[in-house]
Amino acid sequence: MRNITEKITTLREALAEAIIVTSTEIIDKIKSNDLPKKDILPIAKAAGFLAVKNTSNVIPHCHPIPIDGCEINFCLEENKIQIQVLVRSINKTGCEMEALHGVSIVALTIYDMLKPFNETICIKNISLIHKKGGKSDFTNYNKVAEKLQAAVIVMSDSVSKGTKSDKSGLIIKEKLNALNINVKHYTILPDNIEKIRTTIEELVHKNMHLIVTTGGTGLSPTDLTPESIKPMLDTEIPGIMEAARNYGQQRTPYSMLSRSLAGKIKKSLILCLPGSSNGVKESMDALFPYILHIFRVAEGWDHHSKEYKKIKNKLK
């Protein structure tokens, strides 16, 4: 089975469809419930619900997932039955196989109950109509990412002295580069409030879009990153690190001890991540590329601000 531990939990939805072709006479008998096997559609619907909930038991590579909603609908036309199964799940992986399995079993159940009365009955066009949710719905940020310039700062006394090699900063660089974000600045600093603030001020002055730091967010006496940067923020954004800590907490109980921080200074977004390589990797996986929506919103805000100024000037 595919490893999905790095995925985020989102609302997933899938709609599958199947068509049963039969005779006009059979359709009329289904409508009037005038067949020896009564209640054909309710029985088929019950079979569909069971199939949806048991998909992972019969398809080996399917992950067992919670089913948070399932709708089964029928449309009876002149000589066919249209079946649609809609499945919803809040989970790390999609529910399209559950929808397809469910609609297949609904169709087979109807086929089984109708075959004694219509030898030409057939099942056609089992297909996935649409699906949504998951990473693919939240990752269309290529155009935004290509415009960004980023800085990576490693906060560590031991790394700055050369007694320890940097791993976390390189992980950040690698993940940003994979998103086509230009890492223009990379530096290593000691845990020193004055040096940290001076470096951040210089990067903000250079209009750096994204500044990602690693280290100094723990509870040791030398961990000074939050104390250095929090007073500099124009706007703190608590939800960002709440999301990162929640993601990490699902993997290690020590995530709750992190004092990671996020906010904006002028137009620069500051992310202060943990110093451990695992902490950095998990934080980056939790936040990117979804966090780039901030820059998309900022683009829209800048556009509307310019339009607003134009209108205001015309009214003068």
C-alpha atoms as a PDB file:
ATOM      1  CA  MET A   1       0.000   0.000   0.000  1.00  0.00           C
ATOM      2  CA  ARG A   2       1.165   3.493  -0.801  1.00  0.00           C
ATOM      3  CA  ASN A   3       2.584   5.532   2.088  1.00  0.00           C
ATOM      4  CA  ILE A   4       0.195   8.448   2.755  1.00  0.00           C
ATOM      5  CA  THR A   5       1.623   9.605   6.106  1.00  0.00           C
ATOM      6  CA  GLU A   6       2.965  12.850   4.577  1.00  0.00           C
ATOM      7  CA  LYS A   7      -0.413  13.857   3.153  1.00  0.00           C
ATOM      8  CA  ILE A   8      -2.684  16.374   4.836  1.00  0.00           C
ATOM      9  CA  THR A   9      -6.263  15.631   5.861  1.00  0.00           C
ATOM     10  CA  THR A  10      -8.859  17.372   3.681  1.00  0.00           C
ATOM     11  CA  LEU A  11     -12.481  16.965   2.656  1.00  0.00           C
ATOM     12  CA  ARG A  12     -12.615  14.485  -0.237  1.00  0.00           C
ATOM     13  CA  GLU A  13     -15.523  13.866  -2.606  1.00  0.00           C
ATOM     14  CA  ALA A  14     -16.103  11.462  -5.483  1.00  0.00           C
ATOM     15  CA  LEU A  15     -19.085  10.866  -7.779  1.00  0.00           C
ATOM     16  CA  ALA A  16     -19.344   7.653  -9.797  1.00  0.00           C
ATOM     17  CA  GLU A  17     -21.970   6.561 -12.295  1.00  0.00           C
ATOM     18  CA  ALA A  18     -23.220   3.364 -13.924  1.00  0.00           C
ATOM     19  CA  ILE A  19     -25.900   2.710 -16.549  1.00  0.00           C
ATOM     20  CA  ILE A  20     -28.094  -0.377 -16.736  1.00  0.00           C
ATOM     21  CA  VAL A  21     -29.786  -0.944 -20.103  1.00  0.00           C
ATOM     22  CA  THR A  22     -32.971  -2.995 -19.956  1.00  0.00           C
ATOM     23  CA  SER A  23     -36.453  -2.928 -21.510  1.00  0.00           C
ATOM     24  CA  THR A  24     -39.224  -0.369 -21.233  1.00  0.00           C
ATOM     25  CA  GLU A  25     -41.456  -3.047 -19.735  1.00  0.00           C
ATOM     26  CA  ILE A  26     -38.977  -3.755 -16.934  1.00  0.00           C
ATOM     27  CA  ILE A  27     -38.640  -0.051 -16.167  1.00  0.00           C
ATOM     28  CA  ASP A  28     -42.418   0.249 -15.868  1.00  0.00           C
ATOM     29  CA  LYS A  29     -42.530  -2.765 -13.517  1.00  0.00           C
ATOM     30  CA  ILE A  30     -39.770  -1.257 -11.333  1.00  0.00           C
ATOM     31  CA  LYS A  31     -41.738   1.990 -11.085  1.00  0.00           C
ATOM     32  CA  SER A  32     -44.897   0.131 -10.046  1.00  0.00           C
ATOM     33  CA  ASN A  33     -42.952  -2.319  -7.840  1.00  0.00           C
ATOM     34  CA  ASP A  34     -44.578  -5.115  -9.833  1.00  0.00           C
ATOM     35  CA  LEU A  35     -41.746  -7.655  -9.951  1.00  0.00           C
ATOM     36  CA  PRO A  36     -41.446 -10.924  -7.997  1.00  0.00           C
ATOM     37  CA  LYS A  37     -38.381  -9.535  -6.223  1.00  0.00           C
ATOM     38  CA  LYS A  38     -39.862  -6.489  -4.561  1.00  0.00           C
ATOM     39  CA  ASP A  39     -38.153  -3.227  -3.578  1.00  0.00           C
ATOM     40  CA  ILE A  40     -35.358  -3.602  -6.119  1.00  0.00           C
ATOM     41  CA  LEU A  41     -33.983  -0.082  -5.796  1.00  0.00           C
ATOM     42  CA  PRO A  42     -33.992   0.076  -1.951  1.00  0.00           C
ATOM     43  CA  ILE A  43     -32.249  -3.312  -1.782  1.00  0.00           C
ATOM     44  CA  ALA A  44     -29.671  -2.170  -4.348  1.00  0.00           C
ATOM     45  CA  LYS A  45     -29.118   1.038  -2.388  1.00  0.00           C
ATOM     46  CA  ALA A  46     -28.475  -0.946   0.810  1.00  0.00           C
ATOM     47  CA  ALA A  47     -25.978  -3.124  -1.071  1.00  0.00           C
ATOM     48  CA  GLY A  48     -24.268   0.034  -2.323  1.00  0.00           C
ATOM     49  CA  PHE A  49     -23.866   1.442   1.181  1.00  0.00           C
ATOM     50  CA  LEU A  50     -22.295  -1.819   2.340  1.00  0.00           C
ATOM     51  CA  ALA A  51     -19.972  -1.867  -0.675  1.00  0.00           C
ATOM     52  CA  VAL A  52     -18.789   1.699  -0.107  1.00  0.00           C
ATOM     53  CA  LYS A  53     -17.948   0.985   3.540  1.00  0.00           C
ATOM     54  CA  ASN A  54     -16.136  -2.283   2.733  1.00  0.00           C
ATOM     55  CA  THR A  55     -14.087  -1.235  -0.309  1.00  0.00           C
ATOM     56  CA  SER A  56     -10.699  -1.779   1.361  1.00  0.00           C
ATOM     57  CA  ASN A  57     -11.722  -5.324   2.290  1.00  0.00           C
ATOM     58  CA  VAL A  58     -11.984  -6.427  -1.337  1.00  0.00           C
ATOM     59  CA  ILE A  59      -9.523  -4.144  -3.197  1.00  0.00           C
ATOM     60  CA  PRO A  60      -6.050  -4.910  -1.762  1.00  0.00           C
ATOM     61  CA  HIS A  61      -4.301  -1.557  -2.244  1.00  0.00           C
ATOM     62  CA  CYS A  62      -7.168   0.612  -0.988  1.00  0.00           C
ATOM     63  CA  HIS A  63      -6.649   2.245   2.397  1.00  0.00           C
ATOM     64  CA  PRO A  64      -9.507   1.861   4.888  1.00  0.00           C
ATOM     65  CA  ILE A  65     -11.062   5.301   5.253  1.00  0.00           C
ATOM     66  CA  PRO A  66     -13.931   6.791   7.265  1.00  0.00           C
ATOM     67  CA  ILE A  67     -17.070   7.352   5.197  1.00  0.00           C
ATOM     68  CA  ASP A  68     -18.531  10.663   6.304  1.00  0.00           C
ATOM     69  CA  GLY A  69     -21.326  10.733   3.757  1.00  0.00           C
ATOM     70  CA  CYS A  70     -22.795   8.605   0.981  1.00  0.00           C
ATOM     71  CA  GLU A  71     -25.696   9.315  -1.371  1.00  0.00           C
ATOM     72  CA  ILE A  72     -27.097   6.848  -3.898  1.00  0.00           C
ATOM     73  CA  ASN A  73     -29.534   8.118  -6.503  1.00  0.00           C
ATOM     74  CA  PHE A  74     -31.419   6.546  -9.405  1.00  0.00           C
ATOM     75  CA  CYS A  75     -32.876   8.014 -12.555  1.00  0.00           C
ATOM     76  CA  LEU A  76     -35.266   5.733 -14.466  1.00  0.00           C
ATOM     77  CA  GLU A  77     -35.544   6.533 -18.163  1.00  0.00           C
ATOM     78  CA  GLU A  78     -37.352   4.777 -21.004  1.00  0.00           C
ATOM     79  CA  ASN A  79     -35.106   1.713 -21.167  1.00  0.00           C
ATOM     80  CA  LYS A  80     -32.293   2.350 -18.728  1.00  0.00           C
ATOM     81  CA  ILE A  81     -31.430   3.083 -15.122  1.00  0.00           C
ATOM     82  CA  GLN A  82     -28.840   5.723 -14.301  1.00  0.00           C
ATOM     83  CA  ILE A  83     -27.118   5.111 -10.951  1.00  0.00           C
ATOM     84  CA  GLN A  84     -24.987   7.716  -9.190  1.00  0.00           C
ATOM     85  CA  VAL A  85     -23.030   7.211  -5.968  1.00  0.00           C
ATOM     86  CA  LEU A  86     -21.581  10.243  -4.178  1.00  0.00           C
ATOM     87  CA  VAL A  87     -19.063   9.609  -1.374  1.00  0.00           C
ATOM     88  CA  ARG A  88     -17.545  12.132   1.041  1.00  0.00           C
ATOM     89  CA  SER A  89     -14.691  11.567   3.467  1.00  0.00           C
ATOM     90  CA  ILE A  90     -12.396  13.782   5.532  1.00  0.00           C
ATOM     91  CA  ASN A  91      -9.151  11.910   5.182  1.00  0.00           C
ATOM     92  CA  LYS A  92      -5.611  11.789   3.749  1.00  0.00           C
ATOM     93  CA  THR A  93      -6.562   9.841   0.624  1.00  0.00           C
ATOM     94  CA  GLY A  94      -9.352  10.042  -1.924  1.00  0.00           C
ATOM     95  CA  CYS A  95     -12.647   8.160  -1.998  1.00  0.00           C
ATOM     96  CA  GLU A  96     -13.051   7.559  -5.749  1.00  0.00           C
ATOM     97  CA  MET A  97     -12.561   3.809  -5.375  1.00  0.00           C
ATOM     98  CA  GLU A  98     -15.296   3.724  -2.738  1.00  0.00           C
ATOM     99  CA  ALA A  99     -17.656   5.519  -5.126  1.00  0.00           C
ATOM    100  CA  LEU A 100     -16.738   3.229  -8.042  1.00  0.00           C
ATOM    101  CA  HIS A 101     -17.018   0.087  -5.928  1.00  0.00           C
ATOM    102  CA  GLY A 102     -20.349   1.249  -4.547  1.00  0.00           C
ATOM    103  CA  VAL A 103     -21.883   2.043  -7.944  1.00  0.00           C
ATOM    104  CA  SER A 104     -20.629  -1.273  -9.347  1.00  0.00           C
ATOM    105  CA  ILE A 105     -22.286  -3.277  -6.570  1.00  0.00           C
ATOM    106  CA  VAL A 106     -25.526  -1.304  -6.918  1.00  0.00           C
ATOM    107  CA  ALA A 107     -25.543  -2.134 -10.628  1.00  0.00           C
ATOM    108  CA  LEU A 108     -24.716  -5.809 -10.037  1.00  0.00           C
ATOM    109  CA  THR A 109     -27.444  -6.092  -7.407  1.00  0.00           C
ATOM    110  CA  ILE A 110     -30.032  -4.695  -9.815  1.00  0.00           C
ATOM    111  CA  TYR A 111     -28.686  -6.937 -12.574  1.00  0.00           C
ATOM    112  CA  ASP A 112     -29.021  -9.985 -10.310  1.00  0.00           C
ATOM    113  CA  MET A 113     -32.636  -9.208  -9.475  1.00  0.00           C
ATOM    114  CA  LEU A 114     -33.664  -8.394 -13.056  1.00  0.00           C
ATOM    115  CA  LYS A 115     -31.800 -11.038 -15.058  1.00  0.00           C
ATOM    116  CA  PRO A 116     -34.554 -13.700 -14.764  1.00  0.00           C
ATOM    117  CA  PHE A 117     -36.965 -11.348 -16.519  1.00  0.00           C
ATOM    118  CA  ASN A 118     -34.729  -9.777 -19.160  1.00  0.00           C
ATOM    119  CA  GLU A 119     -31.943 -11.784 -20.793  1.00  0.00           C
ATOM    120  CA  THR A 120     -30.602  -8.770 -22.704  1.00  0.00           C
ATOM    121  CA  ILE A 121     -29.999  -6.614 -19.619  1.00  0.00           C
ATOM    122  CA  CYS A 122     -26.471  -5.175 -19.452  1.00  0.00           C
ATOM    123  CA  ILE A 123     -24.327  -2.834 -17.364  1.00  0.00           C
ATOM    124  CA  LYS A 124     -22.610  -0.020 -19.243  1.00  0.00           C
ATOM    125  CA  ASN A 125     -20.339   2.928 -18.584  1.00  0.00           C
ATOM    126  CA  ILE A 126     -19.145   2.512 -15.016  1.00  0.00           C
ATOM    127  CA  SER A 127     -17.139   5.724 -14.660  1.00  0.00           C
ATOM    128  CA  LEU A 128     -15.888   8.383 -12.283  1.00  0.00           C
ATOM    129  CA  ILE A 129     -17.744  11.622 -13.000  1.00  0.00           C
ATOM    130  CA  HIS A 130     -15.677  13.900 -10.765  1.00  0.00           C
ATOM    131  CA  LYS A 131     -13.552  14.015  -7.653  1.00  0.00           C
ATOM    132  CA  LYS A 132     -12.244  16.834  -5.513  1.00  0.00           C
ATOM    133  CA  GLY A 133     -10.221  17.426  -2.389  1.00  0.00           C
ATOM    134  CA  GLY A 134      -6.645  16.619  -1.501  1.00  0.00           C
ATOM    135  CA  LYS A 135      -3.370  18.095  -2.616  1.00  0.00           C
ATOM    136  CA  SER A 136      -4.369  18.578  -6.254  1.00  0.00           C
ATOM    137  CA  ASP A 137      -7.033  21.106  -5.207  1.00  0.00           C
ATOM    138  CA  PHE A 138      -4.584  23.225  -3.234  1.00  0.00           C
ATOM    139  CA  THR A 139      -1.331  23.140  -5.185  1.00  0.00           C
ATOM    140  CA  ASN A 140      -1.904  25.287  -8.260  1.00  0.00           C
ATOM    141  CA  TYR A 141       0.610  27.919  -7.212  1.00  0.00           C
ATOM    142  CA  ASN A 142       3.278  27.596  -9.915  1.00  0.00           C
ATOM    143  CA  LYS A 143       2.791  31.120 -11.268  1.00  0.00           C
ATOM    144  CA  VAL A 144       2.887  32.586  -7.757  1.00  0.00           C
ATOM    145  CA  ALA A 145       5.939  30.554  -6.702  1.00  0.00           C
ATOM    146  CA  GLU A 146       8.010  31.561  -9.729  1.00  0.00           C
ATOM    147  CA  LYS A 147       7.724  35.230  -8.758  1.00  0.00           C
ATOM    148  CA  LEU A 148       8.942  34.752  -5.198  1.00  0.00           C
ATOM    149  CA  GLN A 149      12.361  35.330  -3.717  1.00  0.00           C
ATOM    150  CA  ALA A 150      13.179  33.538  -0.489  1.00  0.00           C
ATOM    151  CA  ALA A 151      15.789  33.635   2.245  1.00  0.00           C
ATOM    152  CA  VAL A 152      16.784  30.758   4.518  1.00  0.00           C
ATOM    153  CA  ILE A 153      18.406  31.518   7.871  1.00  0.00           C
ATOM    154  CA  VAL A 154      19.880  28.885  10.157  1.00  0.00           C
ATOM    155  CA  MET A 155      19.939  29.912  13.839  1.00  0.00           C
ATOM    156  CA  SER A 156      22.527  27.789  15.651  1.00  0.00           C
ATOM    157  CA  ASP A 157      25.595  28.485  17.775  1.00  0.00           C
ATOM    158  CA  SER A 158      27.127  25.094  16.961  1.00  0.00           C
ATOM    159  CA  VAL A 159      26.546  25.346  13.195  1.00  0.00           C
ATOM    160  CA  SER A 160      27.842  28.927  13.082  1.00  0.00           C
ATOM    161  CA  LYS A 161      31.012  27.800  14.913  1.00  0.00           C
ATOM    162  CA  GLY A 162      31.496  24.918  12.495  1.00  0.00           C
ATOM    163  CA  THR A 163      31.236  22.195  15.120  1.00  0.00           C
ATOM    164  CA  LYS A 164      28.059  20.872  13.533  1.00  0.00           C
ATOM    165  CA  SER A 165      26.894  20.745   9.923  1.00  0.00           C
ATOM    166  CA  ASP A 166      23.609  22.246   8.784  1.00  0.00           C
ATOM    167  CA  LYS A 167      20.874  19.837   7.714  1.00  0.00           C
ATOM    168  CA  SER A 168      17.654  21.719   8.393  1.00  0.00           C
ATOM    169  CA  GLY A 169      18.480  24.761   6.275  1.00  0.00           C
ATOM    170  CA  LEU A 170      19.379  22.530   3.350  1.00  0.00           C
ATOM    171  CA  ILE A 171      16.060  20.695   3.690  1.00  0.00           C
ATOM    172  CA  ILE A 172      14.223  24.031   3.478  1.00  0.00           C
ATOM    173  CA  LYS A 173      16.242  25.053   0.420  1.00  0.00           C
ATOM    174  CA  GLU A 174      15.569  21.740  -1.292  1.00  0.00           C
ATOM    175  CA  LYS A 175      11.813  21.927  -0.670  1.00  0.00           C
ATOM    176  CA  LEU A 176      11.575  25.559  -1.798  1.00  0.00           C
ATOM    177  CA  ASN A 177      13.574  24.816  -4.950  1.00  0.00           C
ATOM    178  CA  ALA A 178      11.231  21.903  -5.704  1.00  0.00           C
ATOM    179  CA  LEU A 179       8.390  24.456  -5.737  1.00  0.00           C
ATOM    180  CA  ASN A 180      10.352  26.707  -8.141  1.00  0.00           C
ATOM    181  CA  ILE A 181      10.851  29.325  -5.437  1.00  0.00           C
ATOM    182  CA  ASN A 182      14.133  31.160  -5.892  1.00  0.00           C
ATOM    183  CA  VAL A 183      16.250  30.866  -2.712  1.00  0.00           C
ATOM    184  CA  LYS A 184      18.282  34.032  -3.131  1.00  0.00           C
ATOM    185  CA  HIS A 185      19.796  34.199   0.341  1.00  0.00           C
ATOM    186  CA  TYR A 186      21.135  31.520   2.677  1.00  0.00           C
ATOM    187  CA  THR A 187      22.993  32.309   5.875  1.00  0.00           C
ATOM    188  CA  ILE A 188      23.949  30.805   9.237  1.00  0.00           C
ATOM    189  CA  LEU A 189      23.708  32.916  12.398  1.00  0.00           C
ATOM    190  CA  PRO A 190      24.512  32.334  16.069  1.00  0.00           C
ATOM    191  CA  ASP A 191      21.680  32.516  18.610  1.00  0.00           C
ATOM    192  CA  ASN A 192      22.128  36.250  19.046  1.00  0.00           C
ATOM    193  CA  ILE A 193      19.142  38.609  19.182  1.00  0.00           C
ATOM    194  CA  GLU A 194      20.958  41.611  17.698  1.00  0.00           C
ATOM    195  CA  LYS A 195      22.409  39.674  14.746  1.00  0.00           C
ATOM    196  CA  ILE A 196      19.095  37.961  14.053  1.00  0.00           C
ATOM    197  CA  ARG A 197      17.156  41.242  14.026  1.00  0.00           C
ATOM    198  CA  THR A 198      19.748  43.008  11.879  1.00  0.00           C
ATOM    199  CA  THR A 199      19.668  40.235   9.287  1.00  0.00           C
ATOM    200  CA  ILE A 200      15.853  40.160   9.206  1.00  0.00           C
ATOM    201  CA  GLU A 201      15.701  43.962   8.810  1.00  0.00           C
ATOM    202  CA  GLU A 202      18.126  43.819   5.868  1.00  0.00           C
ATOM    203  CA  LEU A 203      16.116  41.104   4.134  1.00  0.00           C
ATOM    204  CA  VAL A 204      12.826  42.966   4.645  1.00  0.00           C
ATOM    205  CA  HIS A 205      14.460  46.115   3.288  1.00  0.00           C
ATOM    206  CA  LYS A 206      15.435  44.130   0.183  1.00  0.00           C
ATOM    207  CA  ASN A 207      11.739  43.188  -0.251  1.00  0.00           C
ATOM    208  CA  MET A 208      12.365  39.492   0.302  1.00  0.00           C
ATOM    209  CA  HIS A 209       8.977  37.811  -0.117  1.00  0.00           C
ATOM    210  CA  LEU A 210       9.608  34.808   2.117  1.00  0.00           C
ATOM    211  CA  ILE A 211      12.024  34.441   5.023  1.00  0.00           C
ATOM    212  CA  VAL A 212      12.257  30.972   6.575  1.00  0.00           C
ATOM    213  CA  THR A 213      14.344  30.442   9.695  1.00  0.00           C
ATOM    214  CA  THR A 214      15.238  27.176  11.381  1.00  0.00           C
ATOM    215  CA  GLY A 215      16.404  26.729  14.960  1.00  0.00           C
ATOM    216  CA  GLY A 216      16.038  28.579  18.221  1.00  0.00           C
ATOM    217  CA  THR A 217      12.356  27.760  18.765  1.00  0.00           C
ATOM    218  CA  GLY A 218      12.813  25.271  21.608  1.00  0.00           C
ATOM    219  CA  LEU A 219      13.046  25.728  25.359  1.00  0.00           C
ATOM    220  CA  SER A 220      16.792  25.826  26.004  1.00  0.00           C
ATOM    221  CA  PRO A 221      18.364  29.062  27.341  1.00  0.00           C
ATOM    222  CA  THR A 222      19.969  29.767  23.947  1.00  0.00           C
ATOM    223  CA  ASP A 223      16.726  29.391  21.942  1.00  0.00           C
ATOM    224  CA  LEU A 224      16.004  33.051  21.202  1.00  0.00           C
ATOM    225  CA  THR A 225      14.332  33.099  17.800  1.00  0.00           C
ATOM    226  CA  PRO A 226      10.781  33.963  19.005  1.00  0.00           C
ATOM    227  CA  GLU A 227      12.139  36.623  21.392  1.00  0.00           C
ATOM    228  CA  SER A 228      14.161  38.107  18.522  1.00  0.00           C
ATOM    229  CA  ILE A 229      11.500  38.155  15.828  1.00  0.00           C
ATOM    230  CA  LYS A 230       8.082  38.411  17.489  1.00  0.00           C
ATOM    231  CA  PRO A 231       8.513  42.091  18.498  1.00  0.00           C
ATOM    232  CA  MET A 232       9.406  42.884  14.866  1.00  0.00           C
ATOM    233  CA  LEU A 233       6.179  41.492  13.403  1.00  0.00           C
ATOM    234  CA  ASP A 234       3.549  43.856  12.030  1.00  0.00           C
ATOM    235  CA  THR A 235       1.052  40.990  11.978  1.00  0.00           C
ATOM    236  CA  GLU A 236       1.329  37.630  13.679  1.00  0.00           C
ATOM    237  CA  ILE A 237      -0.455  34.732  11.935  1.00  0.00           C
ATOM    238  CA  PRO A 238      -1.026  32.105  14.659  1.00  0.00           C
ATOM    239  CA  GLY A 239      -2.944  29.673  12.434  1.00  0.00           C
ATOM    240  CA  ILE A 240       0.135  28.870  10.367  1.00  0.00           C
ATOM    241  CA  MET A 241       2.099  27.323  13.197  1.00  0.00           C
ATOM    242  CA  GLU A 242      -1.043  25.853  14.735  1.00  0.00           C
ATOM    243  CA  ALA A 243      -1.343  23.857  11.501  1.00  0.00           C
ATOM    244  CA  ALA A 244       2.341  22.865  11.586  1.00  0.00           C
ATOM    245  CA  ARG A 245       2.195  21.796  15.235  1.00  0.00           C
ATOM    246  CA  ASN A 246      -1.006  19.845  14.669  1.00  0.00           C
ATOM    247  CA  TYR A 247       0.630  18.029  11.742  1.00  0.00           C
ATOM    248  CA  GLY A 248       3.706  17.296  13.849  1.00  0.00           C
ATOM    249  CA  GLN A 249       1.697  16.251  16.904  1.00  0.00           C
ATOM    250  CA  GLN A 250       0.175  13.421  14.867  1.00  0.00           C
ATOM    251  CA  ARG A 251       3.714  12.083  14.404  1.00  0.00           C
ATOM    252  CA  THR A 252       5.483  12.889  17.696  1.00  0.00           C
ATOM    253  CA  PRO A 253       4.233  14.151  21.075  1.00  0.00           C
ATOM    254  CA  TYR A 254       7.227  16.509  21.294  1.00  0.00           C
ATOM    255  CA  SER A 255       5.745  18.811  18.659  1.00  0.00           C
ATOM    256  CA  MET A 256       3.772  20.619  21.374  1.00  0.00           C
ATOM    257  CA  LEU A 257       7.059  21.941  22.808  1.00  0.00           C
ATOM    258  CA  SER A 258       7.915  23.950  19.699  1.00  0.00           C
ATOM    259  CA  ARG A 259       7.636  27.741  19.893  1.00  0.00           C
ATOM    260  CA  SER A 260       7.507  28.129  16.123  1.00  0.00           C
ATOM    261  CA  LEU A 261       6.271  31.504  14.925  1.00  0.00           C
ATOM    262  CA  ALA A 262       4.807  33.068  11.768  1.00  0.00           C
ATOM    263  CA  GLY A 263       3.850  36.554  10.699  1.00  0.00           C
ATOM    264  CA  LYS A 264       4.451  39.454   8.342  1.00  0.00           C
ATOM    265  CA  ILE A 265       6.851  42.383   8.433  1.00  0.00           C
ATOM    266  CA  LYS A 266       5.712  44.824   5.777  1.00  0.00           C
ATOM    267  CA  LYS A 267       5.326  42.567   2.698  1.00  0.00           C
ATOM    268  CA  SER A 268       7.690  39.829   3.909  1.00  0.00           C
ATOM    269  CA  LEU A 269       6.280  36.575   5.292  1.00  0.00           C
ATOM    270  CA  ILE A 270       8.398  35.197   8.167  1.00  0.00           C
ATOM    271  CA  LEU A 271       8.297  31.517   9.145  1.00  0.00           C
ATOM    272  CA  CYS A 272      10.319  30.459  12.182  1.00  0.00           C
ATOM    273  CA  LEU A 273      10.592  26.665  12.073  1.00  0.00           C
ATOM    274  CA  PRO A 274      12.151  24.153  14.512  1.00  0.00           C
ATOM    275  CA  GLY A 275      15.844  23.300  14.331  1.00  0.00           C
ATOM    276  CA  SER A 276      15.612  19.515  14.015  1.00  0.00           C
ATOM    277  CA  SER A 277      15.650  18.057  10.525  1.00  0.00           C
ATOM    278  CA  ASN A 278      12.462  16.044  11.219  1.00  0.00           C
ATOM    279  CA  GLY A 279      10.719  19.107  12.647  1.00  0.00           C
ATOM    280  CA  VAL A 280      11.652  21.178   9.599  1.00  0.00           C
ATOM    281  CA  LYS A 281      10.614  18.491   7.132  1.00  0.00           C
ATOM    282  CA  GLU A 282       7.236  17.992   8.812  1.00  0.00           C
ATOM    283  CA  SER A 283       6.608  21.743   9.080  1.00  0.00           C
ATOM    284  CA  MET A 284       7.414  22.276   5.401  1.00  0.00           C
ATOM    285  CA  ASP A 285       5.181  19.347   4.410  1.00  0.00           C
ATOM    286  CA  ALA A 286       2.358  20.766   6.534  1.00  0.00           C
ATOM    287  CA  LEU A 287       2.587  24.315   5.164  1.00  0.00           C
ATOM    288  CA  PHE A 288       3.715  24.108   1.544  1.00  0.00           C
ATOM    289  CA  PRO A 289       2.528  24.784  -1.063  1.00  0.00           C
ATOM    290  CA  TYR A 290      -0.751  25.786   0.632  1.00  0.00           C
ATOM    291  CA  ILE A 291       0.779  28.763   2.427  1.00  0.00           C
ATOM    292  CA  LEU A 292       1.570  30.357  -0.948  1.00  0.00           C
ATOM    293  CA  HIS A 293      -2.093  31.352  -1.059  1.00  0.00           C
ATOM    294  CA  ILE A 294      -0.969  34.307   1.088  1.00  0.00           C
ATOM    295  CA  PHE A 295       0.904  35.733  -1.888  1.00  0.00           C
ATOM    296  CA  ARG A 296      -2.009  35.121  -4.231  1.00  0.00           C
ATOM    297  CA  VAL A 297      -4.257  37.040  -1.838  1.00  0.00           C
ATOM    298  CA  ALA A 298      -1.614  39.764  -1.568  1.00  0.00           C
ATOM    299  CA  GLU A 299      -1.534  40.092  -5.368  1.00  0.00           C
ATOM    300  CA  GLY A 300      -5.294  40.504  -5.424  1.00  0.00           C
ATOM    301  CA  TRP A 301      -5.169  43.011  -2.589  1.00  0.00           C
ATOM    302  CA  ASP A 302      -2.506  45.053  -4.357  1.00  0.00           C
ATOM    303  CA  HIS A 303      -4.595  45.014  -7.535  1.00  0.00           C
ATOM    304  CA  HIS A 304      -7.757  46.115  -5.717  1.00  0.00           C
ATOM    305  CA  SER A 305      -5.823  48.762  -3.821  1.00  0.00           C
ATOM    306  CA  LYS A 306      -4.582  50.231  -7.108  1.00  0.00           C
ATOM    307  CA  GLU A 307      -8.082  50.119  -8.590  1.00  0.00           C
ATOM    308  CA  TYR A 308      -9.476  51.760  -5.473  1.00  0.00           C
ATOM    309  CA  LYS A 309      -6.915  54.566  -5.728  1.00  0.00           C
ATOM    310  CA  LYS A 310      -7.828  55.129  -9.391  1.00  0.00           C
ATOM    311  CA  ILE A 311     -11.528  55.415  -8.552  1.00  0.00           C
ATOM    312  CA  LYS A 312     -10.810  57.673  -5.600  1.00  0.00           C
ATOM    313  CA  ASN A 313      -8.670  59.992  -7.751  1.00  0.00           C
ATOM    314  CA  LYS A 314     -11.430  60.228 -10.381  1.00  0.00           C
ATOM    315  CA  LEU A 315     -13.920  61.294  -7.715  1.00  0.00           C
ATOM    316  CA  LYS A 316     -11.741  64.173  -6.555  1.00  0.00           C
END
